[in-house]
Amino acid sequence: MLSILRNPVGKTARYAVAAAVMSATFLPAWAHAGDAEFLTQSNANILWTLLAAILVMLMQAGFGCVEAGFTRAKSAGNIMMKNFLDFSAGSIIFFLFGFA
């Protein structure tokens, strides 16, 4: 086994097998890619909702830093945990009731 790993021909053969597996995996998907419309109204709505959710997640981190700056140093961990739990509960509630 070690002689195969050290042999450059064996290494080339492994790259060839990896390339063959990847092409067999992805070529059928690329063949059908021309038939689909990518940015339909439904896809754009989902993309915008995802982008807005990412921005809200980043805003929660910013609010946590602002609130931690307004409190004592010993309370900073509690404030960050409060904001993390706020985001977690809000995300679960949004995905259960808001996105539908």
PDB file of N, CA and C in Angstrom:
ATOM      1  N   MET A   1       0.821  -1.199   0.000  1.00  0.00           N
ATOM      2  CA  MET A   1       0.000   0.000   0.000  1.00  0.00           C
ATOM      3  C   MET A   1       0.859   1.255   0.000  1.00  0.00           C
ATOM      4  N   LEU A   2       1.938   1.256   0.774  1.00  0.00           N
ATOM      5  CA  LEU A   2       2.786   2.431   0.826  1.00  0.00           C
ATOM      6  C   LEU A   2       3.514   2.674  -0.488  1.00  0.00           C
ATOM      7  N   SER A   3       3.831   1.589  -1.214  1.00  0.00           N
ATOM      8  CA  SER A   3       4.501   1.782  -2.497  1.00  0.00           C
ATOM      9  C   SER A   3       3.576   2.462  -3.505  1.00  0.00           C
ATOM     10  N   ILE A   4       2.282   2.226  -3.398  1.00  0.00           N
ATOM     11  CA  ILE A   4       1.337   2.895  -4.299  1.00  0.00           C
ATOM     12  C   ILE A   4       1.274   4.380  -3.987  1.00  0.00           C
ATOM     13  N   LEU A   5       1.315   4.737  -2.715  1.00  0.00           N
ATOM     14  CA  LEU A   5       1.240   6.140  -2.332  1.00  0.00           C
ATOM     15  C   LEU A   5       2.487   6.906  -2.762  1.00  0.00           C
ATOM     16  N   ARG A   6       3.633   6.240  -2.750  1.00  0.00           N
ATOM     17  CA  ARG A   6       4.874   6.907  -3.136  1.00  0.00           C
ATOM     18  C   ARG A   6       5.081   6.924  -4.633  1.00  0.00           C
ATOM     19  N   ASN A   7       4.404   6.075  -5.352  1.00  0.00           N
ATOM     20  CA  ASN A   7       4.582   5.965  -6.790  1.00  0.00           C
ATOM     21  C   ASN A   7       3.815   7.087  -7.492  1.00  0.00           C
ATOM     22  N   PRO A   8       4.488   7.908  -8.321  1.00  0.00           N
ATOM     23  CA  PRO A   8       3.773   8.995  -9.000  1.00  0.00           C
ATOM     24  C   PRO A   8       2.723   8.496  -9.982  1.00  0.00           C
ATOM     25  N   VAL A   9       2.916   7.302 -10.544  1.00  0.00           N
ATOM     26  CA  VAL A   9       1.910   6.769 -11.459  1.00  0.00           C
ATOM     27  C   VAL A   9       0.625   6.453 -10.698  1.00  0.00           C
ATOM     28  N   GLY A  10       0.760   5.914  -9.501  1.00  0.00           N
ATOM     29  CA  GLY A  10      -0.407   5.632  -8.675  1.00  0.00           C
ATOM     30  C   GLY A  10      -1.141   6.902  -8.291  1.00  0.00           C
ATOM     31  N   LYS A  11      -0.382   7.971  -8.065  1.00  0.00           N
ATOM     32  CA  LYS A  11      -0.989   9.252  -7.723  1.00  0.00           C
ATOM     33  C   LYS A  11      -1.773   9.809  -8.911  1.00  0.00           C
ATOM     34  N   THR A  12      -1.215   9.679 -10.095  1.00  0.00           N
ATOM     35  CA  THR A  12      -1.898  10.141 -11.295  1.00  0.00           C
ATOM     36  C   THR A  12      -3.167   9.326 -11.524  1.00  0.00           C
ATOM     37  N   ALA A  13      -3.074   8.043 -11.278  1.00  0.00           N
ATOM     38  CA  ALA A  13      -4.256   7.192 -11.456  1.00  0.00           C
ATOM     39  C   ALA A  13      -5.352   7.578 -10.469  1.00  0.00           C
ATOM     40  N   ARG A  14      -4.982   7.906  -9.229  1.00  0.00           N
ATOM     41  CA  ARG A  14      -5.988   8.326  -8.261  1.00  0.00           C
ATOM     42  C   ARG A  14      -6.654   9.624  -8.687  1.00  0.00           C
ATOM     43  N   TYR A  15      -5.859  10.576  -9.243  1.00  0.00           N
ATOM     44  CA  TYR A  15      -6.444  11.823  -9.728  1.00  0.00           C
ATOM     45  C   TYR A  15      -7.381  11.563 -10.898  1.00  0.00           C
ATOM     46  N   ALA A  16      -7.022  10.616 -11.754  1.00  0.00           N
ATOM     47  CA  ALA A  16      -7.876  10.290 -12.894  1.00  0.00           C
ATOM     48  C   ALA A  16      -9.188   9.673 -12.428  1.00  0.00           C
ATOM     49  N   VAL A  17      -9.126   8.804 -11.439  1.00  0.00           N
ATOM     50  CA  VAL A  17     -10.348   8.200 -10.905  1.00  0.00           C
ATOM     51  C   VAL A  17     -11.210   9.257 -10.226  1.00  0.00           C
ATOM     52  N   ALA A  18     -10.584  10.151  -9.479  1.00  0.00           N
ATOM     53  CA  ALA A  18     -11.343  11.221  -8.827  1.00  0.00           C
ATOM     54  C   ALA A  18     -12.004  12.124  -9.855  1.00  0.00           C
ATOM     55  N   ALA A  19     -11.297  12.458 -10.933  1.00  0.00           N
ATOM     56  CA  ALA A  19     -11.880  13.295 -11.985  1.00  0.00           C
ATOM     57  C   ALA A  19     -13.030  12.581 -12.677  1.00  0.00           C
ATOM     58  N   ALA A  20     -12.891  11.270 -12.890  1.00  0.00           N
ATOM     59  CA  ALA A  20     -13.964  10.513 -13.531  1.00  0.00           C
ATOM     60  C   ALA A  20     -15.206  10.451 -12.650  1.00  0.00           C
ATOM     61  N   VAL A  21     -15.010  10.267 -11.368  1.00  0.00           N
ATOM     62  CA  VAL A  21     -16.156  10.211 -10.448  1.00  0.00           C
ATOM     63  C   VAL A  21     -16.847  11.568 -10.382  1.00  0.00           C
ATOM     64  N   MET A  22     -16.064  12.641 -10.313  1.00  0.00           N
ATOM     65  CA  MET A  22     -16.672  13.975 -10.252  1.00  0.00           C
ATOM     66  C   MET A  22     -17.408  14.312 -11.537  1.00  0.00           C
ATOM     67  N   SER A  23     -16.843  13.954 -12.692  1.00  0.00           N
ATOM     68  CA  SER A  23     -17.530  14.257 -13.945  1.00  0.00           C
ATOM     69  C   SER A  23     -18.798  13.420 -14.088  1.00  0.00           C
ATOM     70  N   ALA A  24     -18.757  12.173 -13.640  1.00  0.00           N
ATOM     71  CA  ALA A  24     -19.965  11.349 -13.709  1.00  0.00           C
ATOM     72  C   ALA A  24     -21.036  11.857 -12.754  1.00  0.00           C
ATOM     73  N   THR A  25     -20.611  12.513 -11.691  1.00  0.00           N
ATOM     74  CA  THR A  25     -21.571  13.052 -10.729  1.00  0.00           C
ATOM     75  C   THR A  25     -22.186  14.354 -11.213  1.00  0.00           C
ATOM     76  N   PHE A  26     -21.361  15.260 -11.767  1.00  0.00           N
ATOM     77  CA  PHE A  26     -21.834  16.609 -12.064  1.00  0.00           C
ATOM     78  C   PHE A  26     -22.289  16.815 -13.502  1.00  0.00           C
ATOM     79  N   LEU A  27     -21.856  16.039 -14.452  1.00  0.00           N
ATOM     80  CA  LEU A  27     -22.245  16.274 -15.836  1.00  0.00           C
ATOM     81  C   LEU A  27     -23.743  16.121 -16.081  1.00  0.00           C
ATOM     82  N   PRO A  28     -24.432  15.132 -15.498  1.00  0.00           N
ATOM     83  CA  PRO A  28     -25.887  15.089 -15.719  1.00  0.00           C
ATOM     84  C   PRO A  28     -26.603  16.331 -15.192  1.00  0.00           C
ATOM     85  N   ALA A  29     -26.138  16.865 -14.076  1.00  0.00           N
ATOM     86  CA  ALA A  29     -26.767  18.071 -13.529  1.00  0.00           C
ATOM     87  C   ALA A  29     -26.498  19.275 -14.419  1.00  0.00           C
ATOM     88  N   TRP A  30     -25.297  19.358 -14.998  1.00  0.00           N
ATOM     89  CA  TRP A  30     -24.983  20.472 -15.884  1.00  0.00           C
ATOM     90  C   TRP A  30     -25.754  20.375 -17.194  1.00  0.00           C
ATOM     91  N   ALA A  31     -26.098  19.172 -17.612  1.00  0.00           N
ATOM     92  CA  ALA A  31     -26.842  18.999 -18.852  1.00  0.00           C
ATOM     93  C   ALA A  31     -28.255  19.557 -18.723  1.00  0.00           C
ATOM     94  N   HIS A  32     -28.852  19.439 -17.552  1.00  0.00           N
ATOM     95  CA  HIS A  32     -30.208  19.932 -17.342  1.00  0.00           C
ATOM     96  C   HIS A  32     -30.248  21.373 -16.849  1.00  0.00           C
ATOM     97  N   ALA A  33     -29.104  21.980 -16.612  1.00  0.00           N
ATOM     98  CA  ALA A  33     -29.088  23.333 -16.056  1.00  0.00           C
ATOM     99  C   ALA A  33     -29.616  24.358 -17.041  1.00  0.00           C
ATOM    100  N   GLY A  34     -29.518  24.123 -18.323  1.00  0.00           N
ATOM    101  CA  GLY A  34     -29.981  25.086 -19.305  1.00  0.00           C
ATOM    102  C   GLY A  34     -31.485  25.155 -19.414  1.00  0.00           C
ATOM    103  N   ASP A  35     -32.185  24.160 -18.935  1.00  0.00           N
ATOM    104  CA  ASP A  35     -33.631  24.119 -19.074  1.00  0.00           C
ATOM    105  C   ASP A  35     -34.366  24.924 -18.014  1.00  0.00           C
ATOM    106  N   ALA A  36     -33.731  25.235 -16.906  1.00  0.00           N
ATOM    107  CA  ALA A  36     -34.415  25.846 -15.771  1.00  0.00           C
ATOM    108  C   ALA A  36     -34.225  27.362 -15.762  1.00  0.00           C
ATOM    109  N   GLU A  37     -35.239  28.042 -15.262  1.00  0.00           N
ATOM    110  CA  GLU A  37     -35.123  29.470 -15.014  1.00  0.00           C
ATOM    111  C   GLU A  37     -34.622  29.647 -13.592  1.00  0.00           C
ATOM    112  N   PHE A  38     -33.612  30.474 -13.423  1.00  0.00           N
ATOM    113  CA  PHE A  38     -32.971  30.555 -12.123  1.00  0.00           C
ATOM    114  C   PHE A  38     -33.638  31.553 -11.192  1.00  0.00           C
ATOM    115  N   LEU A  39     -33.936  32.745 -11.649  1.00  0.00           N
ATOM    116  CA  LEU A  39     -34.449  33.767 -10.743  1.00  0.00           C
ATOM    117  C   LEU A  39     -35.914  34.057 -11.070  1.00  0.00           C
ATOM    118  N   THR A  40     -36.760  33.140 -10.717  1.00  0.00           N
ATOM    119  CA  THR A  40     -38.193  33.374 -10.846  1.00  0.00           C
ATOM    120  C   THR A  40     -38.647  34.191  -9.637  1.00  0.00           C
ATOM    121  N   GLN A  41     -39.889  34.598  -9.632  1.00  0.00           N
ATOM    122  CA  GLN A  41     -40.391  35.410  -8.524  1.00  0.00           C
ATOM    123  C   GLN A  41     -40.356  34.633  -7.220  1.00  0.00           C
ATOM    124  N   SER A  42     -40.684  33.367  -7.270  1.00  0.00           N
ATOM    125  CA  SER A  42     -40.661  32.554  -6.055  1.00  0.00           C
ATOM    126  C   SER A  42     -39.239  32.409  -5.515  1.00  0.00           C
ATOM    127  N   ASN A  43     -38.286  32.151  -6.402  1.00  0.00           N
ATOM    128  CA  ASN A  43     -36.892  32.036  -5.969  1.00  0.00           C
ATOM    129  C   ASN A  43     -36.362  33.366  -5.449  1.00  0.00           C
ATOM    130  N   ALA A  44     -36.764  34.468  -6.066  1.00  0.00           N
ATOM    131  CA  ALA A  44     -36.325  35.784  -5.604  1.00  0.00           C
ATOM    132  C   ALA A  44     -36.885  36.092  -4.218  1.00  0.00           C
ATOM    133  N   ASN A  45     -38.136  35.683  -3.958  1.00  0.00           N
ATOM    134  CA  ASN A  45     -38.720  35.898  -2.631  1.00  0.00           C
ATOM    135  C   ASN A  45     -37.970  35.117  -1.562  1.00  0.00           C
ATOM    136  N   ILE A  46     -37.634  33.871  -1.862  1.00  0.00           N
ATOM    137  CA  ILE A  46     -36.896  33.056  -0.900  1.00  0.00           C
ATOM    138  C   ILE A  46     -35.498  33.631  -0.686  1.00  0.00           C
ATOM    139  N   LEU A  47     -34.848  34.079  -1.763  1.00  0.00           N
ATOM    140  CA  LEU A  47     -33.516  34.657  -1.643  1.00  0.00           C
ATOM    141  C   LEU A  47     -33.538  35.928  -0.801  1.00  0.00           C
ATOM    142  N   TRP A  48     -34.534  36.779  -1.012  1.00  0.00           N
ATOM    143  CA  TRP A  48     -34.631  38.013  -0.235  1.00  0.00           C
ATOM    144  C   TRP A  48     -34.909  37.723   1.241  1.00  0.00           C
ATOM    145  N   THR A  49     -35.770  36.738   1.515  1.00  0.00           N
ATOM    146  CA  THR A  49     -36.051  36.373   2.900  1.00  0.00           C
ATOM    147  C   THR A  49     -34.803  35.826   3.578  1.00  0.00           C
ATOM    148  N   LEU A  50     -34.023  35.022   2.870  1.00  0.00           N
ATOM    149  CA  LEU A  50     -32.776  34.493   3.417  1.00  0.00           C
ATOM    150  C   LEU A  50     -31.775  35.607   3.685  1.00  0.00           C
ATOM    151  N   LEU A  51     -31.649  36.544   2.761  1.00  0.00           N
ATOM    152  CA  LEU A  51     -30.736  37.672   2.951  1.00  0.00           C
ATOM    153  C   LEU A  51     -31.166  38.526   4.152  1.00  0.00           C
ATOM    154  N   ALA A  52     -32.456  38.780   4.272  1.00  0.00           N
ATOM    155  CA  ALA A  52     -32.949  39.564   5.405  1.00  0.00           C
ATOM    156  C   ALA A  52     -32.716  38.837   6.725  1.00  0.00           C
ATOM    157  N   ALA A  53     -32.874  37.512   6.740  1.00  0.00           N
ATOM    158  CA  ALA A  53     -32.644  36.749   7.965  1.00  0.00           C
ATOM    159  C   ALA A  53     -31.168  36.792   8.362  1.00  0.00           C
ATOM    160  N   ILE A  54     -30.276  36.745   7.389  1.00  0.00           N
ATOM    161  CA  ILE A  54     -28.842  36.835   7.689  1.00  0.00           C
ATOM    162  C   ILE A  54     -28.499  38.212   8.253  1.00  0.00           C
ATOM    163  N   LEU A  55     -29.087  39.250   7.694  1.00  0.00           N
ATOM    164  CA  LEU A  55     -28.838  40.596   8.209  1.00  0.00           C
ATOM    165  C   LEU A  55     -29.373  40.762   9.636  1.00  0.00           C
ATOM    166  N   VAL A  56     -30.523  40.180   9.917  1.00  0.00           N
ATOM    167  CA  VAL A  56     -31.069  40.249  11.276  1.00  0.00           C
ATOM    168  C   VAL A  56     -30.170  39.492  12.245  1.00  0.00           C
ATOM    169  N   MET A  57     -29.640  38.350  11.816  1.00  0.00           N
ATOM    170  CA  MET A  57     -28.731  37.595  12.674  1.00  0.00           C
ATOM    171  C   MET A  57     -27.491  38.419  12.999  1.00  0.00           C
ATOM    172  N   LEU A  58     -26.943  39.108  12.014  1.00  0.00           N
ATOM    173  CA  LEU A  58     -25.772  39.951  12.269  1.00  0.00           C
ATOM    174  C   LEU A  58     -26.127  41.164  13.133  1.00  0.00           C
ATOM    175  N   MET A  59     -27.353  41.680  12.983  1.00  0.00           N
ATOM    176  CA  MET A  59     -27.775  42.795  13.826  1.00  0.00           C
ATOM    177  C   MET A  59     -27.893  42.367  15.280  1.00  0.00           C
ATOM    178  N   GLN A  60     -28.303  41.129  15.521  1.00  0.00           N
ATOM    179  CA  GLN A  60     -28.391  40.647  16.901  1.00  0.00           C
ATOM    180  C   GLN A  60     -27.015  40.649  17.556  1.00  0.00           C
ATOM    181  N   ALA A  61     -25.980  40.261  16.808  1.00  0.00           N
ATOM    182  CA  ALA A  61     -24.618  40.296  17.352  1.00  0.00           C
ATOM    183  C   ALA A  61     -24.209  41.731  17.662  1.00  0.00           C
ATOM    184  N   GLY A  62     -24.567  42.663  16.797  1.00  0.00           N
ATOM    185  CA  GLY A  62     -24.255  44.068  17.049  1.00  0.00           C
ATOM    186  C   GLY A  62     -24.978  44.609  18.261  1.00  0.00           C
ATOM    187  N   PHE A  63     -26.248  44.263  18.397  1.00  0.00           N
ATOM    188  CA  PHE A  63     -26.995  44.707  19.577  1.00  0.00           C
ATOM    189  C   PHE A  63     -26.407  44.118  20.850  1.00  0.00           C
ATOM    190  N   GLY A  64     -25.949  42.864  20.768  1.00  0.00           N
ATOM    191  CA  GLY A  64     -25.317  42.245  21.930  1.00  0.00           C
ATOM    192  C   GLY A  64     -24.054  42.982  22.340  1.00  0.00           C
ATOM    193  N   CYS A  65     -23.266  43.400  21.364  1.00  0.00           N
ATOM    194  CA  CYS A  65     -22.042  44.152  21.680  1.00  0.00           C
ATOM    195  C   CYS A  65     -22.377  45.521  22.270  1.00  0.00           C
ATOM    196  N   VAL A  66     -23.398  46.185  21.732  1.00  0.00           N
ATOM    197  CA  VAL A  66     -23.796  47.488  22.271  1.00  0.00           C
ATOM    198  C   VAL A  66     -24.290  47.352  23.704  1.00  0.00           C
ATOM    199  N   GLU A  67     -25.150  46.375  23.958  1.00  0.00           N
ATOM    200  CA  GLU A  67     -25.675  46.185  25.311  1.00  0.00           C
ATOM    201  C   GLU A  67     -24.588  45.756  26.278  1.00  0.00           C
ATOM    202  N   ALA A  68     -23.637  44.944  25.813  1.00  0.00           N
ATOM    203  CA  ALA A  68     -22.531  44.544  26.686  1.00  0.00           C
ATOM    204  C   ALA A  68     -21.653  45.744  27.017  1.00  0.00           C
ATOM    205  N   GLY A  69     -21.561  46.691  26.117  1.00  0.00           N
ATOM    206  CA  GLY A  69     -20.784  47.899  26.388  1.00  0.00           C
ATOM    207  C   GLY A  69     -21.461  48.821  27.388  1.00  0.00           C
ATOM    208  N   PHE A  70     -22.786  48.731  27.505  1.00  0.00           N
ATOM    209  CA  PHE A  70     -23.517  49.588  28.431  1.00  0.00           C
ATOM    210  C   PHE A  70     -23.605  49.014  29.842  1.00  0.00           C
ATOM    211  N   THR A  71     -23.188  47.764  30.024  1.00  0.00           N
ATOM    212  CA  THR A  71     -23.298  47.140  31.338  1.00  0.00           C
ATOM    213  C   THR A  71     -21.916  46.942  31.945  1.00  0.00           C
ATOM    214  N   ARG A  72     -21.886  46.458  33.169  1.00  0.00           N
ATOM    215  CA  ARG A  72     -20.614  46.142  33.812  1.00  0.00           C
ATOM    216  C   ARG A  72     -19.968  44.944  33.125  1.00  0.00           C
ATOM    217  N   ALA A  73     -18.663  44.808  33.310  1.00  0.00           N
ATOM    218  CA  ALA A  73     -17.928  43.721  32.667  1.00  0.00           C
ATOM    219  C   ALA A  73     -18.399  42.359  33.160  1.00  0.00           C
ATOM    220  N   LYS A  74     -18.810  42.271  34.423  1.00  0.00           N
ATOM    221  CA  LYS A  74     -19.241  40.972  34.945  1.00  0.00           C
ATOM    222  C   LYS A  74     -20.582  40.536  34.349  1.00  0.00           C
ATOM    223  N   SER A  75     -21.345  41.453  33.780  1.00  0.00           N
ATOM    224  CA  SER A  75     -22.647  41.112  33.211  1.00  0.00           C
ATOM    225  C   SER A  75     -22.600  40.920  31.697  1.00  0.00           C
ATOM    226  N   ALA A  76     -21.435  41.075  31.086  1.00  0.00           N
ATOM    227  CA  ALA A  76     -21.361  40.991  29.621  1.00  0.00           C
ATOM    228  C   ALA A  76     -21.745  39.603  29.117  1.00  0.00           C
ATOM    229  N   GLY A  77     -21.311  38.552  29.807  1.00  0.00           N
ATOM    230  CA  GLY A  77     -21.668  37.200  29.390  1.00  0.00           C
ATOM    231  C   GLY A  77     -23.162  36.949  29.466  1.00  0.00           C
ATOM    232  N   ASN A  78     -23.795  37.470  30.513  1.00  0.00           N
ATOM    233  CA  ASN A  78     -25.246  37.308  30.643  1.00  0.00           C
ATOM    234  C   ASN A  78     -25.991  38.039  29.530  1.00  0.00           C
ATOM    235  N   ILE A  79     -25.519  39.214  29.168  1.00  0.00           N
ATOM    236  CA  ILE A  79     -26.159  39.987  28.100  1.00  0.00           C
ATOM    237  C   ILE A  79     -26.020  39.259  26.764  1.00  0.00           C
ATOM    238  N   MET A  80     -24.828  38.719  26.506  1.00  0.00           N
ATOM    239  CA  MET A  80     -24.632  38.002  25.242  1.00  0.00           C
ATOM    240  C   MET A  80     -25.498  36.741  25.185  1.00  0.00           C
ATOM    241  N   MET A  81     -25.616  36.052  26.305  1.00  0.00           N
ATOM    242  CA  MET A  81     -26.473  34.867  26.340  1.00  0.00           C
ATOM    243  C   MET A  81     -27.930  35.245  26.155  1.00  0.00           C
ATOM    244  N   LYS A  82     -28.336  36.360  26.717  1.00  0.00           N
ATOM    245  CA  LYS A  82     -29.715  36.822  26.541  1.00  0.00           C
ATOM    246  C   LYS A  82     -29.994  37.109  25.072  1.00  0.00           C
ATOM    247  N   ASN A  83     -29.061  37.760  24.406  1.00  0.00           N
ATOM    248  CA  ASN A  83     -29.254  38.058  22.985  1.00  0.00           C
ATOM    249  C   ASN A  83     -29.212  36.794  22.132  1.00  0.00           C
ATOM    250  N   PHE A  84     -28.357  35.834  22.483  1.00  0.00           N
ATOM    251  CA  PHE A  84     -28.323  34.573  21.747  1.00  0.00           C
ATOM    252  C   PHE A  84     -29.639  33.816  21.902  1.00  0.00           C
ATOM    253  N   LEU A  85     -30.172  33.757  23.127  1.00  0.00           N
ATOM    254  CA  LEU A  85     -31.445  33.071  23.342  1.00  0.00           C
ATOM    255  C   LEU A  85     -32.600  33.815  22.680  1.00  0.00           C
ATOM    256  N   ASP A  86     -32.519  35.134  22.648  1.00  0.00           N
ATOM    257  CA  ASP A  86     -33.521  35.935  21.957  1.00  0.00           C
ATOM    258  C   ASP A  86     -33.538  35.597  20.471  1.00  0.00           C
ATOM    259  N   PHE A  87     -32.368  35.519  19.883  1.00  0.00           N
ATOM    260  CA  PHE A  87     -32.281  35.171  18.465  1.00  0.00           C
ATOM    261  C   PHE A  87     -32.748  33.736  18.222  1.00  0.00           C
ATOM    262  N   SER A  88     -32.352  32.813  19.096  1.00  0.00           N
ATOM    263  CA  SER A  88     -32.736  31.410  18.910  1.00  0.00           C
ATOM    264  C   SER A  88     -34.246  31.226  18.999  1.00  0.00           C
ATOM    265  N   ALA A  89     -34.847  31.791  20.026  1.00  0.00           N
ATOM    266  CA  ALA A  89     -36.300  31.674  20.176  1.00  0.00           C
ATOM    267  C   ALA A  89     -37.021  32.389  19.041  1.00  0.00           C
ATOM    268  N   GLY A  90     -36.527  33.550  18.668  1.00  0.00           N
ATOM    269  CA  GLY A  90     -37.148  34.278  17.558  1.00  0.00           C
ATOM    270  C   GLY A  90     -37.067  33.528  16.245  1.00  0.00           C
ATOM    271  N   SER A  91     -35.933  32.854  15.998  1.00  0.00           N
ATOM    272  CA  SER A  91     -35.784  32.073  14.771  1.00  0.00           C
ATOM    273  C   SER A  91     -36.750  30.903  14.734  1.00  0.00           C
ATOM    274  N   ILE A  92     -36.868  30.201  15.839  1.00  0.00           N
ATOM    275  CA  ILE A  92     -37.767  29.042  15.893  1.00  0.00           C
ATOM    276  C   ILE A  92     -39.212  29.494  15.707  1.00  0.00           C
ATOM    277  N   ILE A  93     -39.597  30.548  16.367  1.00  0.00           N
ATOM    278  CA  ILE A  93     -40.968  31.043  16.247  1.00  0.00           C
ATOM    279  C   ILE A  93     -41.238  31.547  14.830  1.00  0.00           C
ATOM    280  N   PHE A  94     -40.250  32.216  14.216  1.00  0.00           N
ATOM    281  CA  PHE A  94     -40.417  32.701  12.848  1.00  0.00           C
ATOM    282  C   PHE A  94     -40.587  31.547  11.872  1.00  0.00           C
ATOM    283  N   PHE A  95     -39.760  30.519  11.997  1.00  0.00           N
ATOM    284  CA  PHE A  95     -39.873  29.405  11.062  1.00  0.00           C
ATOM    285  C   PHE A  95     -41.129  28.579  11.287  1.00  0.00           C
ATOM    286  N   LEU A  96     -41.673  28.577  12.509  1.00  0.00           N
ATOM    287  CA  LEU A  96     -42.910  27.855  12.762  1.00  0.00           C
ATOM    288  C   LEU A  96     -44.142  28.624  12.281  1.00  0.00           C
ATOM    289  N   PHE A  97     -44.152  29.933  12.510  1.00  0.00           N
ATOM    290  CA  PHE A  97     -45.365  30.701  12.233  1.00  0.00           C
ATOM    291  C   PHE A  97     -45.199  31.811  11.190  1.00  0.00           C
ATOM    292  N   GLY A  98     -44.009  32.381  11.065  1.00  0.00           N
ATOM    293  CA  GLY A  98     -43.865  33.568  10.240  1.00  0.00           C
ATOM    294  C   GLY A  98     -43.636  33.308   8.767  1.00  0.00           C
ATOM    295  N   PHE A  99     -42.899  32.250   8.421  1.00  0.00           N
ATOM    296  CA  PHE A  99     -42.551  32.023   7.022  1.00  0.00           C
ATOM    297  C   PHE A  99     -43.679  31.373   6.238  1.00  0.00           C
ATOM    298  N   ALA A 100     -44.632  30.792   6.929  1.00  0.00           N
ATOM    299  CA  ALA A 100     -45.730  30.086   6.253  1.00  0.00           C
ATOM    300  C   ALA A 100     -46.661  31.040   5.604  1.00  0.00           C
TER     301      ALA A 100
END
